[in-house]
PDB file of N, CA and C in Angstrom:
ATOM      1  N   MET A   1      99.984  76.528 419.500  1.00  0.00           N
ATOM      2  CA  MET A   1      99.356  76.011 421.452  1.00  0.00           C
ATOM      3  C   MET A   1     100.099  74.544 420.431  1.00  0.00           C
ATOM      4  N   VAL A   2     100.540  73.919 421.351  1.00  0.00           N
ATOM      5  CA  VAL A   2     101.188  72.494 421.171  1.00  0.00           C
ATOM      6  C   VAL A   2     100.271  71.418 422.066  1.00  0.00           C
ATOM      7  N   TYR A   3      99.681  70.721 421.479  1.00  0.00           N
ATOM      8  CA  TYR A   3      99.194  69.629 421.511  1.00  0.00           C
ATOM      9  C   TYR A   3      99.365  68.352 421.785  1.00  0.00           C
ATOM     10  N   ASP A   4      99.016  67.235 422.281  1.00  0.00           N
ATOM     11  CA  ASP A   4      99.225  66.050 422.695  1.00  0.00           C
ATOM     12  C   ASP A   4     100.101  65.462 421.513  1.00  0.00           C
ATOM     13  N   GLU A   5     100.892  64.891 420.936  1.00  0.00           N
ATOM     14  CA  GLU A   5     100.891  64.406 419.864  1.00  0.00           C
ATOM     15  C   GLU A   5     100.930  62.852 419.954  1.00  0.00           C
ATOM     16  N   GLY A   6     101.014  62.273 421.333  1.00  0.00           N
ATOM     17  CA  GLY A   6     100.750  60.913 421.316  1.00  0.00           C
ATOM     18  C   GLY A   6      99.076  60.783 421.881  1.00  0.00           C
ATOM     19  N   LEU A   7      98.679  61.526 422.010  1.00  0.00           N
ATOM     20  CA  LEU A   7      97.053  61.226 421.828  1.00  0.00           C
ATOM     21  C   LEU A   7      96.657  61.371 420.739  1.00  0.00           C
ATOM     22  N   ALA A   8      96.701  62.023 419.625  1.00  0.00           N
ATOM     23  CA  ALA A   8      96.702  62.524 418.457  1.00  0.00           C
ATOM     24  C   ALA A   8      96.912  61.284 417.435  1.00  0.00           C
ATOM     25  N   GLN A   9      98.469  60.377 417.921  1.00  0.00           N
ATOM     26  CA  GLN A   9      98.416  59.133 417.116  1.00  0.00           C
ATOM     27  C   GLN A   9      97.657  58.105 417.072  1.00  0.00           C
ATOM     28  N   ARG A  10      97.358  57.965 418.914  1.00  0.00           N
ATOM     29  CA  ARG A  10      96.267  56.955 419.314  1.00  0.00           C
ATOM     30  C   ARG A  10      94.924  57.390 418.659  1.00  0.00           C
ATOM     31  N   ILE A  11      94.545  58.266 418.502  1.00  0.00           N
ATOM     32  CA  ILE A  11      93.479  58.527 418.013  1.00  0.00           C
ATOM     33  C   ILE A  11      93.468  58.074 416.021  1.00  0.00           C
ATOM     34  N   ARG A  12      94.885  58.857 415.123  1.00  0.00           N
ATOM     35  CA  ARG A  12      94.769  58.301 414.152  1.00  0.00           C
ATOM     36  C   ARG A  12      94.905  56.701 414.327  1.00  0.00           C
ATOM     37  N   GLU A  13      95.558  56.055 414.602  1.00  0.00           N
ATOM     38  CA  GLU A  13      95.600  54.747 414.661  1.00  0.00           C
ATOM     39  C   GLU A  13      94.302  54.124 414.856  1.00  0.00           C
ATOM     40  N   PHE A  14      93.107  54.941 415.672  1.00  0.00           N
ATOM     41  CA  PHE A  14      91.654  54.362 415.787  1.00  0.00           C
ATOM     42  C   PHE A  14      91.185  54.314 414.195  1.00  0.00           C
ATOM     43  N   LEU A  15      91.201  55.439 414.167  1.00  0.00           N
ATOM     44  CA  LEU A  15      90.854  56.138 412.754  1.00  0.00           C
ATOM     45  C   LEU A  15      91.151  55.611 411.163  1.00  0.00           C
ATOM     46  N   ASP A  16      92.254  54.968 411.275  1.00  0.00           N
ATOM     47  CA  ASP A  16      93.192  55.045 410.425  1.00  0.00           C
ATOM     48  C   ASP A  16      92.144  54.220 408.954  1.00  0.00           C
ATOM     49  N   ALA A  17      91.314  53.104 409.422  1.00  0.00           N
ATOM     50  CA  ALA A  17      90.429  52.472 408.557  1.00  0.00           C
ATOM     51  C   ALA A  17      89.077  53.359 408.153  1.00  0.00           C
ATOM     52  N   ALA A  18      88.993  54.562 409.318  1.00  0.00           N
ATOM     53  CA  ALA A  18      87.423  55.213 408.874  1.00  0.00           C
ATOM     54  C   ALA A  18      87.363  55.973 407.748  1.00  0.00           C
ATOM     55  N   PRO A  19      86.406  55.519 406.852  1.00  0.00           N
ATOM     56  CA  PRO A  19      86.413  56.594 405.553  1.00  0.00           C
ATOM     57  C   PRO A  19      85.912  58.067 405.760  1.00  0.00           C
ATOM     58  N   GLY A  20      86.185  58.437 404.924  1.00  0.00           N
ATOM     59  CA  GLY A  20      86.045  59.939 405.203  1.00  0.00           C
ATOM     60  C   GLY A  20      86.245  61.035 406.353  1.00  0.00           C
ATOM     61  N   VAL A  21      87.744  60.346 406.866  1.00  0.00           N
ATOM     62  CA  VAL A  21      88.031  61.058 408.114  1.00  0.00           C
ATOM     63  C   VAL A  21      89.695  61.519 407.623  1.00  0.00           C
ATOM     64  N   THR A  22      89.286  63.379 408.138  1.00  0.00           N
ATOM     65  CA  THR A  22      90.606  64.091 407.665  1.00  0.00           C
ATOM     66  C   THR A  22      91.149  64.443 408.945  1.00  0.00           C
ATOM     67  N   GLU A  23      92.230  65.629 408.838  1.00  0.00           N
ATOM     68  CA  GLU A  23      92.584  66.204 409.951  1.00  0.00           C
ATOM     69  C   GLU A  23      92.816  67.358 409.326  1.00  0.00           C
ATOM     70  N   LYS A  24      92.623  68.304 410.708  1.00  0.00           N
ATOM     71  CA  LYS A  24      92.610  69.425 410.424  1.00  0.00           C
ATOM     72  C   LYS A  24      93.200  70.204 411.646  1.00  0.00           C
ATOM     73  N   LYS A  25      94.044  71.207 411.269  1.00  0.00           N
ATOM     74  CA  LYS A  25      94.471  72.288 412.655  1.00  0.00           C
ATOM     75  C   LYS A  25      93.366  73.295 412.988  1.00  0.00           C
ATOM     76  N   MET A  26      93.206  72.801 413.999  1.00  0.00           N
ATOM     77  CA  MET A  26      91.799  73.850 414.667  1.00  0.00           C
ATOM     78  C   MET A  26      91.897  74.330 415.805  1.00  0.00           C
ATOM     79  N   PHE A  27      91.525  75.536 416.530  1.00  0.00           N
ATOM     80  CA  PHE A  27      91.343  75.399 417.939  1.00  0.00           C
ATOM     81  C   PHE A  27      92.168  75.760 418.752  1.00  0.00           C
ATOM     82  N   GLY A  28      93.826  75.918 418.189  1.00  0.00           N
ATOM     83  CA  GLY A  28      94.891  76.161 418.437  1.00  0.00           C
ATOM     84  C   GLY A  28      95.411  74.252 418.723  1.00  0.00           C
ATOM     85  N   GLY A  29      94.621  73.304 418.105  1.00  0.00           N
ATOM     86  CA  GLY A  29      94.795  72.033 418.386  1.00  0.00           C
ATOM     87  C   GLY A  29      95.073  71.621 417.028  1.00  0.00           C
ATOM     88  N   LEU A  30      94.554  69.859 417.245  1.00  0.00           N
ATOM     89  CA  LEU A  30      94.182  69.271 415.946  1.00  0.00           C
ATOM     90  C   LEU A  30      92.839  68.525 416.207  1.00  0.00           C
ATOM     91  N   ALA A  31      92.079  68.301 414.759  1.00  0.00           N
ATOM     92  CA  ALA A  31      90.847  68.056 415.041  1.00  0.00           C
ATOM     93  C   ALA A  31      90.700  67.090 413.728  1.00  0.00           C
ATOM     94  N   PHE A  32      89.978  65.997 414.115  1.00  0.00           N
ATOM     95  CA  PHE A  32      89.383  65.040 413.363  1.00  0.00           C
ATOM     96  C   PHE A  32      88.053  65.253 412.452  1.00  0.00           C
ATOM     97  N   MET A  33      88.228  65.457 411.012  1.00  0.00           N
ATOM     98  CA  MET A  33      86.983  65.233 410.535  1.00  0.00           C
ATOM     99  C   MET A  33      85.841  64.501 410.083  1.00  0.00           C
ATOM    100  N   LEU A  34      85.348  64.155 410.110  1.00  0.00           N
ATOM    101  CA  LEU A  34      84.245  63.029 409.501  1.00  0.00           C
ATOM    102  C   LEU A  34      83.553  63.775 408.137  1.00  0.00           C
ATOM    103  N   ASN A  35      83.926  63.667 407.086  1.00  0.00           N
ATOM    104  CA  ASN A  35      83.205  64.327 406.155  1.00  0.00           C
ATOM    105  C   ASN A  35      82.879  65.409 406.207  1.00  0.00           C
ATOM    106  N   GLY A  36      83.548  66.152 406.722  1.00  0.00           N
ATOM    107  CA  GLY A  36      84.146  67.666 407.131  1.00  0.00           C
ATOM    108  C   GLY A  36      83.498  68.288 408.114  1.00  0.00           C
ATOM    109  N   ASN A  37      82.947  67.352 409.420  1.00  0.00           N
ATOM    110  CA  ASN A  37      82.815  67.990 410.032  1.00  0.00           C
ATOM    111  C   ASN A  37      83.477  67.515 411.367  1.00  0.00           C
ATOM    112  N   MET A  38      83.768  68.333 412.662  1.00  0.00           N
ATOM    113  CA  MET A  38      84.877  68.205 413.567  1.00  0.00           C
ATOM    114  C   MET A  38      83.865  66.879 414.330  1.00  0.00           C
ATOM    115  N   THR A  39      84.503  65.928 414.656  1.00  0.00           N
ATOM    116  CA  THR A  39      84.120  65.087 415.447  1.00  0.00           C
ATOM    117  C   THR A  39      85.112  64.849 416.798  1.00  0.00           C
ATOM    118  N   VAL A  40      86.185  64.838 416.669  1.00  0.00           N
ATOM    119  CA  VAL A  40      87.212  64.209 417.775  1.00  0.00           C
ATOM    120  C   VAL A  40      88.042  65.343 417.643  1.00  0.00           C
ATOM    121  N   GLY A  41      89.026  65.570 418.730  1.00  0.00           N
ATOM    122  CA  GLY A  41      90.356  66.748 418.892  1.00  0.00           C
ATOM    123  C   GLY A  41      91.193  66.446 419.682  1.00  0.00           C
ATOM    124  N   VAL A  42      92.263  67.290 420.085  1.00  0.00           N
ATOM    125  CA  VAL A  42      93.301  67.314 420.753  1.00  0.00           C
ATOM    126  C   VAL A  42      93.509  68.768 421.337  1.00  0.00           C
ATOM    127  N   ILE A  43      93.297  69.109 422.154  1.00  0.00           N
ATOM    128  CA  ILE A  43      93.593  70.358 422.620  1.00  0.00           C
ATOM    129  C   ILE A  43      94.632  70.481 423.946  1.00  0.00           C
ATOM    130  N   LYS A  44      95.867  70.840 423.680  1.00  0.00           N
ATOM    131  CA  LYS A  44      96.755  70.695 424.575  1.00  0.00           C
ATOM    132  C   LYS A  44      96.506  68.870 425.222  1.00  0.00           C
ATOM    133  N   ASP A  45      96.197  68.710 426.399  1.00  0.00           N
ATOM    134  CA  ASP A  45      96.208  67.233 427.093  1.00  0.00           C
ATOM    135  C   ASP A  45      94.749  66.407 426.939  1.00  0.00           C
ATOM    136  N   ASP A  46      94.039  67.433 426.327  1.00  0.00           N
ATOM    137  CA  ASP A  46      92.109  66.823 426.619  1.00  0.00           C
ATOM    138  C   ASP A  46      92.279  66.077 425.108  1.00  0.00           C
ATOM    139  N   LEU A  47      91.316  65.602 425.500  1.00  0.00           N
ATOM    140  CA  LEU A  47      90.323  65.237 424.044  1.00  0.00           C
ATOM    141  C   LEU A  47      88.869  66.206 423.830  1.00  0.00           C
ATOM    142  N   MET A  48      88.588  66.662 423.082  1.00  0.00           N
ATOM    143  CA  MET A  48      87.630  67.140 422.463  1.00  0.00           C
ATOM    144  C   MET A  48      86.675  66.098 421.737  1.00  0.00           C
ATOM    145  N   VAL A  49      85.273  65.890 422.438  1.00  0.00           N
ATOM    146  CA  VAL A  49      84.464  65.555 421.737  1.00  0.00           C
ATOM    147  C   VAL A  49      83.123  66.261 421.348  1.00  0.00           C
ATOM    148  N   ARG A  50      82.660  66.264 420.069  1.00  0.00           N
ATOM    149  CA  ARG A  50      81.898  66.886 419.809  1.00  0.00           C
ATOM    150  C   ARG A  50      80.200  65.808 419.532  1.00  0.00           C
ATOM    151  N   VAL A  51      79.844  65.650 420.997  1.00  0.00           N
ATOM    152  CA  VAL A  51      78.810  64.762 421.313  1.00  0.00           C
ATOM    153  C   VAL A  51      77.116  64.953 421.025  1.00  0.00           C
ATOM    154  N   GLY A  52      77.170  66.096 420.371  1.00  0.00           N
ATOM    155  CA  GLY A  52      75.758  66.906 419.980  1.00  0.00           C
ATOM    156  C   GLY A  52      74.705  67.337 421.237  1.00  0.00           C
ATOM    157  N   LYS A  53      73.927  68.127 421.092  1.00  0.00           N
ATOM    158  CA  LYS A  53      73.559  68.387 422.224  1.00  0.00           C
ATOM    159  C   LYS A  53      72.483  67.573 422.939  1.00  0.00           C
ATOM    160  N   GLU A  54      71.528  66.805 422.129  1.00  0.00           N
ATOM    161  CA  GLU A  54      71.046  65.594 422.956  1.00  0.00           C
ATOM    162  C   GLU A  54      71.884  64.557 423.914  1.00  0.00           C
ATOM    163  N   HIS A  55      73.132  64.736 423.779  1.00  0.00           N
ATOM    164  CA  HIS A  55      73.759  64.035 424.571  1.00  0.00           C
ATOM    165  C   HIS A  55      74.602  64.962 425.581  1.00  0.00           C
ATOM    166  N   TYR A  56      75.153  65.817 425.243  1.00  0.00           N
ATOM    167  CA  TYR A  56      75.997  66.893 425.938  1.00  0.00           C
ATOM    168  C   TYR A  56      75.391  66.686 427.627  1.00  0.00           C
ATOM    169  N   GLU A  57      74.457  66.640 428.354  1.00  0.00           N
ATOM    170  CA  GLU A  57      74.347  67.020 429.469  1.00  0.00           C
ATOM    171  C   GLU A  57      74.692  65.671 430.162  1.00  0.00           C
ATOM    172  N   GLN A  58      74.066  64.111 429.908  1.00  0.00           N
ATOM    173  CA  GLN A  58      74.350  62.945 429.848  1.00  0.00           C
ATOM    174  C   GLN A  58      76.553  63.021 429.715  1.00  0.00           C
ATOM    175  N   ALA A  59      76.986  63.309 429.031  1.00  0.00           N
ATOM    176  CA  ALA A  59      77.972  62.967 428.963  1.00  0.00           C
ATOM    177  C   ALA A  59      79.593  64.052 429.654  1.00  0.00           C
ATOM    178  N   LEU A  60      78.661  64.875 430.385  1.00  0.00           N
ATOM    179  CA  LEU A  60      79.038  66.035 431.251  1.00  0.00           C
ATOM    180  C   LEU A  60      78.878  65.248 432.741  1.00  0.00           C
ATOM    181  N   LYS A  61      78.134  64.341 433.155  1.00  0.00           N
ATOM    182  CA  LYS A  61      78.376  63.705 434.053  1.00  0.00           C
ATOM    183  C   LYS A  61      78.669  62.018 434.623  1.00  0.00           C
ATOM    184  N   THR A  62      79.853  62.094 432.984  1.00  0.00           N
ATOM    185  CA  THR A  62      80.930  61.101 433.125  1.00  0.00           C
ATOM    186  C   THR A  62      81.914  61.678 433.941  1.00  0.00           C
ATOM    187  N   GLU A  63      83.053  61.182 434.817  1.00  0.00           N
ATOM    188  CA  GLU A  63      84.404  61.172 435.431  1.00  0.00           C
ATOM    189  C   GLU A  63      85.034  61.531 434.314  1.00  0.00           C
ATOM    190  N   PHE A  64      85.851  63.114 434.639  1.00  0.00           N
ATOM    191  CA  PHE A  64      86.753  63.763 433.945  1.00  0.00           C
ATOM    192  C   PHE A  64      86.306  64.305 432.841  1.00  0.00           C
ATOM    193  N   THR A  65      85.312  64.909 432.673  1.00  0.00           N
ATOM    194  CA  THR A  65      84.476  65.690 431.426  1.00  0.00           C
ATOM    195  C   THR A  65      84.222  66.912 432.391  1.00  0.00           C
ATOM    196  N   ARG A  66      84.561  67.824 431.059  1.00  0.00           N
ATOM    197  CA  ARG A  66      84.306  69.287 431.675  1.00  0.00           C
ATOM    198  C   ARG A  66      83.390  69.949 430.324  1.00  0.00           C
ATOM    199  N   GLU A  67      82.881  70.937 430.214  1.00  0.00           N
ATOM    200  CA  GLU A  67      82.449  71.623 429.092  1.00  0.00           C
ATOM    201  C   GLU A  67      83.361  72.351 428.439  1.00  0.00           C
ATOM    202  N   MET A  68      83.199  72.655 426.965  1.00  0.00           N
ATOM    203  CA  MET A  68      84.468  73.017 426.429  1.00  0.00           C
ATOM    204  C   MET A  68      83.497  74.426 426.364  1.00  0.00           C
ATOM    205  N   ASP A  69      84.656  75.540 426.523  1.00  0.00           N
ATOM    206  CA  ASP A  69      84.626  76.957 426.662  1.00  0.00           C
ATOM    207  C   ASP A  69      85.774  77.537 426.258  1.00  0.00           C
ATOM    208  N   PHE A  70      86.216  77.820 424.966  1.00  0.00           N
ATOM    209  CA  PHE A  70      86.676  78.567 424.533  1.00  0.00           C
ATOM    210  C   PHE A  70      87.053  80.249 424.913  1.00  0.00           C
ATOM    211  N   THR A  71      86.157  80.375 425.092  1.00  0.00           N
ATOM    212  CA  THR A  71      85.572  82.106 425.253  1.00  0.00           C
ATOM    213  C   THR A  71      84.788  82.305 426.691  1.00  0.00           C
ATOM    214  N   GLY A  72      84.888  81.743 427.068  1.00  0.00           N
ATOM    215  CA  GLY A  72      84.113  81.679 428.565  1.00  0.00           C
ATOM    216  C   GLY A  72      82.674  81.114 428.831  1.00  0.00           C
ATOM    217  N   LYS A  73      81.867  80.871 427.487  1.00  0.00           N
ATOM    218  CA  LYS A  73      80.937  80.287 427.233  1.00  0.00           C
ATOM    219  C   LYS A  73      80.614  78.719 426.042  1.00  0.00           C
ATOM    220  N   PRO A  74      80.261  78.426 427.363  1.00  0.00           N
ATOM    221  CA  PRO A  74      80.454  76.709 426.938  1.00  0.00           C
ATOM    222  C   PRO A  74      79.858  76.641 425.684  1.00  0.00           C
ATOM    223  N   LEU A  75      80.258  75.869 424.823  1.00  0.00           N
ATOM    224  CA  LEU A  75      79.791  75.335 423.704  1.00  0.00           C
ATOM    225  C   LEU A  75      78.581  73.233 423.285  1.00  0.00           C
ATOM    226  N   ARG A  76      77.979  74.389 423.989  1.00  0.00           N
ATOM    227  CA  ARG A  76      76.838  72.719 423.384  1.00  0.00           C
ATOM    228  C   ARG A  76      76.958  72.049 422.936  1.00  0.00           C
ATOM    229  N   GLY A  77      76.951  70.545 423.140  1.00  0.00           N
ATOM    230  CA  GLY A  77      77.072  70.111 422.152  1.00  0.00           C
ATOM    231  C   GLY A  77      78.909  69.036 422.124  1.00  0.00           C
ATOM    232  N   MET A  78      79.934  69.807 422.624  1.00  0.00           N
ATOM    233  CA  MET A  78      81.031  69.561 423.094  1.00  0.00           C
ATOM    234  C   MET A  78      81.439  69.686 424.055  1.00  0.00           C
ATOM    235  N   ILE A  79      82.498  68.699 424.341  1.00  0.00           N
ATOM    236  CA  ILE A  79      82.893  68.650 425.699  1.00  0.00           C
ATOM    237  C   ILE A  79      84.581  68.420 425.765  1.00  0.00           C
ATOM    238  N   PHE A  80      85.170  68.718 426.660  1.00  0.00           N
ATOM    239  CA  PHE A  80      86.728  67.899 426.757  1.00  0.00           C
ATOM    240  C   PHE A  80      86.934  66.878 427.825  1.00  0.00           C
ATOM    241  N   VAL A  81      87.883  65.685 427.671  1.00  0.00           N
ATOM    242  CA  VAL A  81      88.020  64.758 428.365  1.00  0.00           C
ATOM    243  C   VAL A  81      89.087  65.001 428.645  1.00  0.00           C
ATOM    244  N   ASP A  82      89.737  65.094 430.337  1.00  0.00           N
ATOM    245  CA  ASP A  82      90.710  65.224 430.716  1.00  0.00           C
ATOM    246  C   ASP A  82      91.596  63.987 430.410  1.00  0.00           C
ATOM    247  N   GLU A  83      93.048  64.327 430.403  1.00  0.00           N
ATOM    248  CA  GLU A  83      93.967  63.153 430.189  1.00  0.00           C
ATOM    249  C   GLU A  83      93.885  62.183 430.959  1.00  0.00           C
ATOM    250  N   GLU A  84      93.387  62.086 432.290  1.00  0.00           N
ATOM    251  CA  GLU A  84      93.146  61.024 432.734  1.00  0.00           C
ATOM    252  C   GLU A  84      91.886  60.069 432.357  1.00  0.00           C
ATOM    253  N   GLY A  85      91.243  60.907 431.791  1.00  0.00           N
ATOM    254  CA  GLY A  85      90.015  59.856 430.939  1.00  0.00           C
ATOM    255  C   GLY A  85      89.962  59.501 429.741  1.00  0.00           C
ATOM    256  N   VAL A  86      91.247  59.299 429.622  1.00  0.00           N
ATOM    257  CA  VAL A  86      91.668  58.397 428.189  1.00  0.00           C
ATOM    258  C   VAL A  86      92.579  58.071 428.182  1.00  0.00           C
ATOM    259  N   SER A  87      93.498  57.771 429.252  1.00  0.00           N
ATOM    260  CA  SER A  87      94.341  56.662 429.665  1.00  0.00           C
ATOM    261  C   SER A  87      94.473  55.667 429.386  1.00  0.00           C
ATOM    262  N   GLU A  88      93.452  54.965 428.821  1.00  0.00           N
ATOM    263  CA  GLU A  88      93.022  53.429 428.692  1.00  0.00           C
ATOM    264  C   GLU A  88      92.561  53.858 426.931  1.00  0.00           C
ATOM    265  N   ASP A  89      93.111  52.938 426.141  1.00  0.00           N
ATOM    266  CA  ASP A  89      92.783  52.811 424.673  1.00  0.00           C
ATOM    267  C   ASP A  89      91.493  52.923 424.723  1.00  0.00           C
ATOM    268  N   SER A  90      90.468  51.376 425.500  1.00  0.00           N
ATOM    269  CA  SER A  90      89.158  51.570 425.636  1.00  0.00           C
ATOM    270  C   SER A  90      88.467  52.709 426.088  1.00  0.00           C
ATOM    271  N   ILE A  91      88.386  53.420 426.772  1.00  0.00           N
ATOM    272  CA  ILE A  91      87.717  54.540 426.906  1.00  0.00           C
ATOM    273  C   ILE A  91      87.780  55.338 425.835  1.00  0.00           C
ATOM    274  N   LEU A  92      89.142  56.049 425.334  1.00  0.00           N
ATOM    275  CA  LEU A  92      89.397  56.779 424.499  1.00  0.00           C
ATOM    276  C   LEU A  92      88.537  56.184 422.950  1.00  0.00           C
ATOM    277  N   HIS A  93      88.721  55.049 423.003  1.00  0.00           N
ATOM    278  CA  HIS A  93      87.716  54.510 421.909  1.00  0.00           C
ATOM    279  C   HIS A  93      86.372  54.602 421.812  1.00  0.00           C
ATOM    280  N   PHE A  94      85.985  54.623 423.192  1.00  0.00           N
ATOM    281  CA  PHE A  94      84.204  55.122 423.447  1.00  0.00           C
ATOM    282  C   PHE A  94      84.163  56.524 423.336  1.00  0.00           C
ATOM    283  N   TRP A  95      84.648  57.107 423.356  1.00  0.00           N
ATOM    284  CA  TRP A  95      84.736  58.178 423.321  1.00  0.00           C
ATOM    285  C   TRP A  95      84.765  59.017 421.631  1.00  0.00           C
ATOM    286  N   ILE A  96      85.989  58.601 421.195  1.00  0.00           N
ATOM    287  CA  ILE A  96      85.764  58.633 419.252  1.00  0.00           C
ATOM    288  C   ILE A  96      84.533  57.889 418.626  1.00  0.00           C
ATOM    289  N   GLU A  97      83.893  57.177 419.262  1.00  0.00           N
ATOM    290  CA  GLU A  97      82.853  56.587 418.709  1.00  0.00           C
ATOM    291  C   GLU A  97      81.701  57.519 419.065  1.00  0.00           C
ATOM    292  N   LYS A  98      81.785  57.890 420.310  1.00  0.00           N
ATOM    293  CA  LYS A  98      80.434  58.792 420.725  1.00  0.00           C
ATOM    294  C   LYS A  98      80.418  60.020 419.146  1.00  0.00           C
ATOM    295  N   GLY A  99      81.556  60.391 419.481  1.00  0.00           N
ATOM    296  CA  GLY A  99      81.940  61.428 418.149  1.00  0.00           C
ATOM    297  C   GLY A  99      81.915  60.932 416.710  1.00  0.00           C
ATOM    298  N   LEU A 100      82.060  59.806 416.488  1.00  0.00           N
ATOM    299  CA  LEU A 100      81.647  59.690 415.084  1.00  0.00           C
ATOM    300  C   LEU A 100      80.029  59.248 415.213  1.00  0.00           C
ATOM    301  N   ALA A 101      79.769  58.664 416.087  1.00  0.00           N
ATOM    302  CA  ALA A 101      78.131  58.549 415.784  1.00  0.00           C
ATOM    303  C   ALA A 101      76.825  59.678 415.701  1.00  0.00           C
ATOM    304  N   PHE A 102      77.598  60.744 416.608  1.00  0.00           N
ATOM    305  CA  PHE A 102      77.261  62.238 415.858  1.00  0.00           C
ATOM    306  C   PHE A 102      77.507  62.560 414.771  1.00  0.00           C
ATOM    307  N   THR A 103      78.278  62.503 414.603  1.00  0.00           N
ATOM    308  CA  THR A 103      79.172  63.394 413.450  1.00  0.00           C
ATOM    309  C   THR A 103      78.655  62.663 412.392  1.00  0.00           C
ATOM    310  N   SER A 104      78.300  61.278 412.364  1.00  0.00           N
ATOM    311  CA  SER A 104      77.859  60.303 411.217  1.00  0.00           C
ATOM    312  C   SER A 104      76.142  61.036 410.821  1.00  0.00           C
ATOM    313  N   THR A 105      75.422  61.536 411.368  1.00  0.00           N
ATOM    314  CA  THR A 105      74.399  61.756 411.550  1.00  0.00           C
ATOM    315  C   THR A 105      74.268  63.267 410.479  1.00  0.00           C
ATOM    316  N   LEU A 106      75.647  63.746 410.848  1.00  0.00           N
ATOM    317  CA  LEU A 106      75.108  65.483 409.552  1.00  0.00           C
ATOM    318  C   LEU A 106      75.455  65.364 408.490  1.00  0.00           C
ATOM    319  N   PRO A 107      74.998  66.388 407.877  1.00  0.00           N
ATOM    320  CA  PRO A 107      75.460  66.244 406.415  1.00  0.00           C
ATOM    321  C   PRO A 107      76.850  66.569 405.856  1.00  0.00           C
ATOM    322  N   HIS A 108      77.254  65.809 404.813  1.00  0.00           N
ATOM    323  CA  HIS A 108      78.134  66.096 404.501  1.00  0.00           C
ATOM    324  C   HIS A 108      78.565  67.360 404.181  1.00  0.00           C
ATOM    325  N   LYS A 109      80.190  68.592 404.428  1.00  0.00           N
ATOM    326  CA  LYS A 109      80.572  69.270 404.079  1.00  0.00           C
ATOM    327  C   LYS A 109      81.746  69.509 402.681  1.00  0.00           C
TER     328      LYS A 109
END
């Protein structure tokens, strides 16, 4: 599956100095891992963000977001942000920071 390489590059640039971040091809796209845990990723033109179950409902109330549902069943704690929702770097950085904030609470893999 093809993913938006431009969006992936913008994420790389933001995460460049972050310790413990790696890239992995997953879900037919590209995932950015923090200490072995998926934090954000790119699928087609969408940003995938792991916000955690506690922040899931609130994140879905934000414009340009929707449930992440590969199998027809939503994955609680993970959302998609449409291309329009990450057109500005400041908003992309907001979502990346949300993903990092949650993922940093998880045990290292």
